[in-house]
């Protein structure tokens, strides 16, 4: 069975980061009123053997500090929603009180503690009830709480255990003993403050926190969707590039043909330019231009000449070398090659042959 009990902070200090650390008496032995589900009031005893047992004292250590009581037990799944601080590992029994150090980390709750709006402590705990009536210190009770396990420690406007378990500052004022009335808390809506039961305020605060969490998750989801869409677009682009690369890639046969063609080109150029000619880094067009200029002279301007013109001129030059048996042992050895009408006609013929070859290759594709 879940129960709430209250106590007090005995003194506090605020560090340079703004956190509030307090020493609190969080509960005591006694007989306290609780409202049953049917609305009737029931007096329950919290006897020293139960509330001050080693197991119960240990259960107060390292527990979440909350702003009023949350509508459910605090656990690892909802800790971020409800926790506003934590208890330390120093719970002990002193002066008939269970005491522990608490650190409050929420700025809004710290302000309400400092201004006196919330200065009592209330423990939220699980307990078994022994329904056997009895009497303790002259006070009758209807049931006894056993196996008490503290779940969280709430900072409240008013506590069940009275002012002996409240947060105390230097100017704290003693308050009357709690008679079991409804604890009210202030809740702000559109800038206006309303008094509502503390449990309702805790529930509303929890819903706000859940909404903020959901909003943050939605924003994160939008960001992830954007990244996903960008990656999808990049994937499509890479796929298209890959397909284009596959189309441009040479087959082994085409690669062999290209290598043989390059070797033949360099060999033919060297028959005109000499064995010292270095074709490294030069394109086919560069090599062919070098051969043409060796015949026409370095001043011969090839600017604006088409690839077909250069190819035909080159092949005509190499053809002449093969036909006439000329070779070069140095630069400019073929300047005397014929350049009359017959030579030009031969060039035109070669050009036409290359055009036919290229057109046939395009048709094959």
Protein backbone atom coordinates (compact mmCIF):
# COMPACT_ATOMS: atom_id res chain seq x y z
CA UNK A 1 0.00 0.00 0.00
CA UNK A 2 1.30 3.45 -0.90
CA UNK A 3 1.43 6.15 1.76
CA UNK A 4 2.74 9.72 2.09
CA UNK A 5 4.30 11.14 5.25
CA UNK A 6 5.95 14.47 5.94
CA UNK A 7 8.95 15.87 7.82
CA UNK A 8 11.19 18.97 7.88
CA UNK A 9 14.45 20.46 6.67
CA UNK A 10 16.61 21.47 9.61
CA UNK A 11 19.10 23.71 7.79
CA UNK A 12 20.41 24.41 4.31
CA UNK A 13 23.30 25.76 2.31
CA UNK A 14 23.52 26.90 -1.29
CA UNK A 15 26.64 26.23 -3.35
CA UNK A 16 28.20 28.33 -6.12
CA UNK A 17 26.26 26.40 -8.78
CA UNK A 18 22.95 27.33 -7.15
CA UNK A 19 22.13 23.86 -5.78
CA UNK A 20 20.43 23.73 -2.38
CA UNK A 21 21.70 21.11 0.07
CA UNK A 22 19.64 20.58 3.20
CA UNK A 23 19.70 18.37 6.25
CA UNK A 24 16.19 17.10 6.87
CA UNK A 25 14.31 15.08 9.38
CA UNK A 26 12.15 13.16 6.94
CA UNK A 27 9.91 11.13 9.26
CA UNK A 28 9.31 10.15 12.87
CA UNK A 29 7.42 7.59 14.91
CA UNK A 30 3.81 8.43 15.71
CA UNK A 31 0.14 7.89 14.92
CA UNK A 32 -1.02 9.72 11.79
CA UNK A 33 -4.35 10.13 9.97
CA UNK A 34 -4.77 8.77 6.43
CA UNK A 35 -7.77 9.06 4.13
CA UNK A 36 -9.07 5.68 2.97
CA UNK A 37 -10.52 5.00 -0.47
CA UNK A 38 -14.09 5.34 0.86
CA UNK A 39 -13.30 8.78 2.30
CA UNK A 40 -13.18 7.68 5.94
CA UNK A 41 -10.28 8.73 8.16
CA UNK A 42 -8.01 5.97 9.48
CA UNK A 43 -5.32 6.40 12.13
CA UNK A 44 -2.20 4.40 11.40
CA UNK A 45 0.78 3.82 13.66
CA UNK A 46 4.34 4.19 12.55
CA UNK A 47 6.08 2.44 15.46
CA UNK A 48 9.81 2.90 16.22
CA UNK A 49 10.58 -0.79 15.52
CA UNK A 50 9.17 -0.37 12.01
CA UNK A 51 10.04 3.16 10.92
CA UNK A 52 13.51 3.10 12.47
CA UNK A 53 14.47 -0.39 11.25
CA UNK A 54 17.76 -0.76 9.39
CA UNK A 55 15.92 -1.70 6.17
CA UNK A 56 13.68 1.36 6.26
CA UNK A 57 16.59 3.71 7.04
CA UNK A 58 18.57 2.25 4.13
CA UNK A 59 15.59 2.75 1.81
CA UNK A 60 15.86 6.54 2.36
CA UNK A 61 19.32 6.67 0.79
CA UNK A 62 19.91 7.83 -2.80
CA UNK A 63 16.22 8.41 -3.50
CA UNK A 64 14.69 11.09 -5.77
CA UNK A 65 13.60 14.40 -4.30
CA UNK A 66 10.30 15.56 -5.88
CA UNK A 67 8.21 18.74 -6.08
CA UNK A 68 5.13 17.60 -4.10
CA UNK A 69 4.08 13.96 -4.54
CA UNK A 70 3.95 12.55 -8.07
CA UNK A 71 0.83 10.59 -9.12
CA UNK A 72 2.83 7.36 -9.34
CA UNK A 73 5.82 5.69 -7.75
CA UNK A 74 9.15 7.03 -9.01
CA UNK A 75 11.40 4.56 -10.82
CA UNK A 76 14.18 4.47 -13.41
CA UNK A 77 11.68 4.89 -16.27
CA UNK A 78 10.10 8.14 -15.01
CA UNK A 79 12.95 9.55 -12.91
CA UNK A 80 13.64 12.35 -15.41
CA UNK A 81 9.99 13.43 -15.24
CA UNK A 82 9.66 13.71 -11.45
CA UNK A 83 13.11 14.04 -9.85
CA UNK A 84 14.17 17.52 -8.72
CA UNK A 85 17.15 16.34 -6.68
CA UNK A 86 18.34 13.34 -4.68
CA UNK A 87 19.00 12.18 -1.13
CA UNK A 88 22.51 11.36 0.06
CA UNK A 89 23.87 8.12 1.51
CA UNK A 90 23.81 9.34 5.13
CA UNK A 91 20.34 8.40 6.44
CA UNK A 92 20.40 7.83 10.20
CA UNK A 93 18.31 8.11 13.38
CA UNK A 94 18.93 11.20 15.55
CA UNK A 95 16.75 12.88 18.19
CA UNK A 96 13.82 10.55 17.43
CA UNK A 97 13.88 11.58 13.78
CA UNK A 98 15.08 9.83 10.64
CA UNK A 99 17.50 12.35 9.13
CA UNK A 100 19.16 12.50 5.72
CA UNK A 101 20.90 15.09 3.56
CA UNK A 102 19.08 16.18 0.39
CA UNK A 103 20.32 18.17 -2.60
CA UNK A 104 17.66 20.07 -4.57
CA UNK A 105 18.79 20.85 -8.14
CA UNK A 106 15.65 22.48 -9.62
CA UNK A 107 15.83 26.31 -9.60
CA UNK A 108 12.05 26.86 -9.30
CA UNK A 109 11.73 24.51 -6.33
CA UNK A 110 14.80 26.05 -4.67
CA UNK A 111 13.16 29.48 -4.92
CA UNK A 112 9.94 28.23 -3.30
CA UNK A 113 11.94 26.68 -0.46
CA UNK A 114 13.87 29.91 0.12
CA UNK A 115 10.69 32.04 0.10
CA UNK A 116 8.88 29.68 2.44
CA UNK A 117 6.20 28.53 -0.02
CA UNK A 118 7.36 24.93 0.33
CA UNK A 119 9.37 23.99 3.36
CA UNK A 120 8.15 20.70 4.70
CA UNK A 121 9.24 17.22 3.75
CA UNK A 122 6.94 14.31 2.95
CA UNK A 123 8.10 10.79 2.24
CA UNK A 124 6.32 8.63 -0.32
CA UNK A 125 6.58 5.00 0.70
CA UNK A 126 5.22 1.48 0.32
CA UNK A 127 4.01 -0.37 3.42
CA UNK A 128 2.09 -3.40 4.57
CA UNK A 129 -0.80 -2.76 6.96
CA UNK A 130 -1.48 -4.82 10.04
CA UNK A 131 -5.19 -4.10 10.66
CA UNK A 132 -4.93 -5.00 14.34
CA UNK A 133 -5.95 -1.94 16.43
CA UNK A 134 -3.71 -0.83 19.27
CA UNK A 135 -2.30 2.04 21.29
CA UNK A 136 1.06 3.80 21.27
CA UNK A 137 2.06 6.51 23.80
CA UNK A 138 -1.55 6.83 24.86
CA UNK A 139 -2.90 7.33 21.32
CA UNK A 140 -5.22 4.78 19.73
CA UNK A 141 -4.60 3.55 16.17
CA UNK A 142 -6.61 1.46 13.71
CA UNK A 143 -3.70 -0.19 11.87
CA UNK A 144 0.06 -0.54 12.06
CA UNK A 145 2.43 0.14 9.15
CA UNK A 146 5.08 -2.58 8.65
CA UNK A 147 7.79 -3.30 6.05
CA UNK A 148 8.09 0.41 5.24
CA UNK A 149 10.14 1.16 2.10
CA UNK A 150 10.71 4.77 1.08
CA UNK A 151 10.21 5.47 -2.65
CA UNK A 152 10.81 9.24 -2.87
CA UNK A 153 11.10 12.36 -0.70
CA UNK A 154 8.80 15.26 -1.60
CA UNK A 155 9.27 18.93 -0.76
CA UNK A 156 5.75 20.12 0.12
CA UNK A 157 3.79 23.11 1.37
CA UNK A 158 2.81 21.21 4.52
CA UNK A 159 3.80 17.87 5.97
CA UNK A 160 1.90 15.19 7.88
CA UNK A 161 4.58 14.82 10.53
CA UNK A 162 4.29 18.49 11.42
CA UNK A 163 6.83 21.27 11.83
CA UNK A 164 9.45 18.97 13.34
CA UNK A 165 9.96 17.67 9.82
CA UNK A 166 10.05 20.93 7.88
CA UNK A 167 12.76 22.85 6.03
CA UNK A 168 14.10 25.47 8.40
CA UNK A 169 15.83 28.73 7.59
CA UNK A 170 17.11 31.29 10.06
CA UNK A 171 13.75 33.12 10.01
CA UNK A 172 11.51 30.06 9.95
CA UNK A 173 8.22 30.38 11.84
CA UNK A 174 6.73 27.48 13.78
CA UNK A 175 3.52 26.11 12.28
CA UNK A 176 0.52 24.34 13.79
CA UNK A 177 0.31 20.55 13.80
CA UNK A 178 -1.27 19.07 10.66
CA UNK A 179 -4.78 17.80 11.35
CA UNK A 180 -5.13 15.81 8.16
CA UNK A 181 -6.64 18.48 5.86
CA UNK A 182 -6.00 18.64 2.13
CA UNK A 183 -2.60 20.12 1.28
CA UNK A 184 -2.96 22.88 -1.31
CA UNK A 185 -0.30 23.99 -3.77
CA UNK A 186 -0.10 26.85 -6.26
CA UNK A 187 -0.33 26.10 -9.97
CA UNK A 188 0.18 28.77 -12.62
CA UNK A 189 -1.97 28.90 -15.78
CA UNK A 190 -1.38 31.67 -18.34
CA UNK A 191 0.46 33.72 -15.71
CA UNK A 192 -2.27 33.38 -13.06
CA UNK A 193 -1.83 31.31 -9.89
CA UNK A 194 -4.52 28.92 -8.64
CA UNK A 195 -4.61 26.81 -5.50
CA UNK A 196 -5.08 23.11 -6.22
CA UNK A 197 -4.50 19.96 -4.17
CA UNK A 198 -0.80 19.09 -4.18
CA UNK A 199 -1.48 15.73 -5.85
CA UNK A 200 -3.27 17.51 -8.72
CA UNK A 201 -0.36 19.94 -9.11
CA UNK A 202 2.09 17.03 -9.23
CA UNK A 203 -0.03 15.35 -11.88
CA UNK A 204 -0.23 18.54 -13.99
CA UNK A 205 3.51 19.10 -13.61
CA UNK A 206 4.10 15.53 -14.75
CA UNK A 207 1.88 16.02 -17.80
CA UNK A 208 3.78 19.21 -18.71
CA UNK A 209 7.07 17.36 -18.39
CA UNK A 210 5.76 14.53 -20.56
CA UNK A 211 4.58 17.06 -23.15
CA UNK A 212 8.02 18.70 -23.18
CA UNK A 213 9.64 15.29 -23.56
CA UNK A 214 7.26 14.37 -26.38
CA UNK A 215 7.93 17.70 -28.13
CA UNK A 216 11.68 17.17 -27.85
CA UNK A 217 11.29 13.63 -29.23
CA UNK A 218 9.18 14.94 -32.12
CA UNK A 219 11.83 17.55 -32.95
CA UNK A 220 14.53 14.89 -32.78
CA UNK A 221 12.42 12.66 -35.04
CA UNK A 222 12.07 15.50 -37.56
CA UNK A 223 15.83 16.01 -37.52
CA UNK A 224 16.41 12.30 -38.02
CA UNK A 225 13.89 12.24 -40.89
CA UNK A 226 15.77 15.12 -42.51
CA UNK A 227 19.06 13.26 -42.19
CA UNK A 228 17.41 10.10 -43.54
CA UNK A 229 16.00 11.96 -46.55
CA UNK A 230 19.39 13.53 -47.24
CA UNK A 231 21.07 10.12 -47.07
CA UNK A 232 18.43 8.66 -49.38
CA UNK A 233 19.07 11.43 -51.90
CA UNK A 234 22.82 10.86 -51.61
CA UNK A 235 22.29 7.13 -52.10
CA UNK A 236 20.27 7.76 -55.25
CA UNK A 237 22.96 10.08 -56.59
CA UNK A 238 25.69 7.53 -55.85
CA UNK A 239 23.64 4.79 -57.51
CA UNK A 240 23.24 6.93 -60.64
CA UNK A 241 26.98 7.73 -60.61
CA UNK A 242 27.75 4.02 -60.28
CA UNK A 243 25.53 3.17 -63.24
CA UNK A 244 27.19 5.88 -65.30
CA UNK A 245 30.62 4.62 -64.26
CA UNK A 246 29.64 1.11 -65.31
CA UNK A 247 28.61 2.45 -68.70
CA UNK A 248 31.91 4.27 -69.07
CA UNK A 249 34.01 1.38 -67.80
CA UNK A 250 36.03 -0.50 -70.42
CA UNK A 251 35.69 -4.20 -70.94
CA UNK A 252 38.88 -6.26 -70.91
CA UNK A 253 38.78 -6.41 -74.69
CA UNK A 254 38.32 -2.65 -74.96
CA UNK A 255 41.14 -2.10 -72.46
CA UNK A 256 43.47 -4.38 -74.46
CA UNK A 257 42.57 -2.49 -77.64
CA UNK A 258 43.21 0.86 -75.99
CA UNK A 259 46.65 -0.30 -74.72
CA UNK A 260 47.62 -1.65 -78.10
CA UNK A 261 46.49 1.59 -79.73
CA UNK A 262 48.57 3.66 -77.32
CA UNK A 263 51.66 1.54 -77.89
CA UNK A 264 51.20 1.84 -81.66
CA UNK A 265 50.73 5.61 -81.35
CA UNK A 266 53.91 6.12 -79.29
CA UNK A 267 55.88 3.78 -81.55
CA UNK A 268 54.70 5.63 -84.67
CA UNK A 269 55.51 9.00 -83.11
CA UNK A 270 59.03 7.88 -82.22
CA UNK A 271 59.60 6.81 -85.85
CA UNK A 272 59.20 10.50 -86.70
CA UNK A 273 60.37 12.29 -83.55
CA UNK A 274 63.13 9.94 -82.49
CA UNK A 275 63.52 7.41 -79.73
CA UNK A 276 64.24 10.16 -77.19
CA UNK A 277 60.63 11.38 -77.41
CA UNK A 278 58.92 11.02 -74.00
CA UNK A 279 55.15 10.49 -74.21
CA UNK A 280 54.67 10.42 -70.43
CA UNK A 281 51.77 12.63 -69.38
CA UNK A 282 50.81 13.51 -72.95
CA UNK A 283 47.40 12.87 -74.46
CA UNK A 284 46.97 11.17 -77.83
CA UNK A 285 46.21 14.58 -79.32
CA UNK A 286 49.43 16.03 -77.83
CA UNK A 287 51.49 13.26 -79.40
CA UNK A 288 49.84 13.61 -82.80
CA UNK A 289 50.26 17.39 -82.70
CA UNK A 290 53.96 16.96 -81.95
CA UNK A 291 54.33 14.74 -85.03
CA UNK A 292 52.47 17.24 -87.24
CA UNK A 293 54.60 20.16 -86.03
CA UNK A 294 57.76 18.15 -86.70
CA UNK A 295 56.66 18.19 -90.35
CA UNK A 296 55.04 21.62 -90.65
CA UNK A 297 57.29 23.43 -88.21
CA UNK A 298 56.74 24.59 -84.63
CA UNK A 299 55.03 27.74 -85.90
CA UNK A 300 52.26 25.71 -87.49
CA UNK A 301 49.10 26.71 -85.66
CA UNK A 302 46.72 23.87 -84.83
CA UNK A 303 44.37 26.12 -82.91
CA UNK A 304 40.80 25.46 -83.99
CA UNK A 305 41.72 22.34 -85.90
CA UNK A 306 39.28 19.50 -85.30
CA UNK A 307 40.25 16.14 -83.87
CA UNK A 308 39.41 14.60 -87.22
CA UNK A 309 41.84 16.96 -89.00
CA UNK A 310 44.65 16.16 -86.55
CA UNK A 311 43.95 12.42 -86.70
CA UNK A 312 43.97 12.40 -90.52
CA UNK A 313 47.11 14.58 -90.80
CA UNK A 314 48.91 12.33 -88.32
CA UNK A 315 47.95 9.11 -90.08
CA UNK A 316 48.95 10.54 -93.44
CA UNK A 317 52.35 11.47 -92.00
CA UNK A 318 52.92 8.05 -90.48
CA UNK A 319 51.69 6.43 -93.69
CA UNK A 320 54.28 8.37 -95.66
CA UNK A 321 56.99 7.22 -93.30
CA UNK A 322 55.97 3.61 -93.74
CA UNK A 323 55.59 3.96 -97.50
CA UNK A 324 58.78 5.85 -98.19
CA UNK A 325 60.85 4.15 -95.50
CA UNK A 326 61.72 7.40 -93.73
CA UNK A 327 62.57 7.40 -90.06
CA UNK A 328 63.97 10.02 -87.76
CA UNK A 329 67.09 10.05 -85.70
CA UNK A 330 66.30 13.48 -84.35
CA UNK A 331 63.76 16.23 -84.37
CA UNK A 332 62.45 17.88 -87.55
CA UNK A 333 63.71 15.18 -89.88
CA UNK A 334 60.52 15.06 -91.96
CA UNK A 335 60.12 18.70 -92.82
CA UNK A 336 60.64 17.72 -96.47
CA UNK A 337 57.62 15.45 -96.62
CA UNK A 338 55.41 16.37 -99.58
CA UNK A 339 52.66 18.89 -98.79
CA UNK A 340 51.34 19.27 -102.37
CA UNK A 341 47.83 18.57 -103.58
CA UNK A 342 48.45 14.84 -103.67
CA UNK A 343 49.44 14.89 -99.99
CA UNK A 344 46.40 16.93 -99.08
CA UNK A 345 44.20 14.51 -100.99
CA UNK A 346 45.73 11.67 -99.03
CA UNK A 347 44.95 13.50 -95.77
CA UNK A 348 41.35 14.00 -96.86
CA UNK A 349 41.10 10.31 -97.67
CA UNK A 350 42.44 9.35 -94.25
CA UNK A 351 40.02 11.74 -92.58
CA UNK A 352 37.09 10.15 -94.44
CA UNK A 353 38.26 6.71 -93.39
CA UNK A 354 38.36 7.74 -89.72
CA UNK A 355 34.92 9.27 -89.95
CA UNK A 356 33.59 6.00 -91.35
CA UNK A 357 35.25 4.08 -88.49
CA UNK A 358 33.80 6.39 -85.84
CA UNK A 359 30.31 6.29 -87.35
CA UNK A 360 30.43 2.51 -87.44
CA UNK A 361 31.52 2.43 -83.77
CA UNK A 362 28.64 4.71 -82.80
CA UNK A 363 26.22 2.49 -84.67
CA UNK A 364 27.56 -0.55 -82.83
CA UNK A 365 26.83 1.09 -79.45
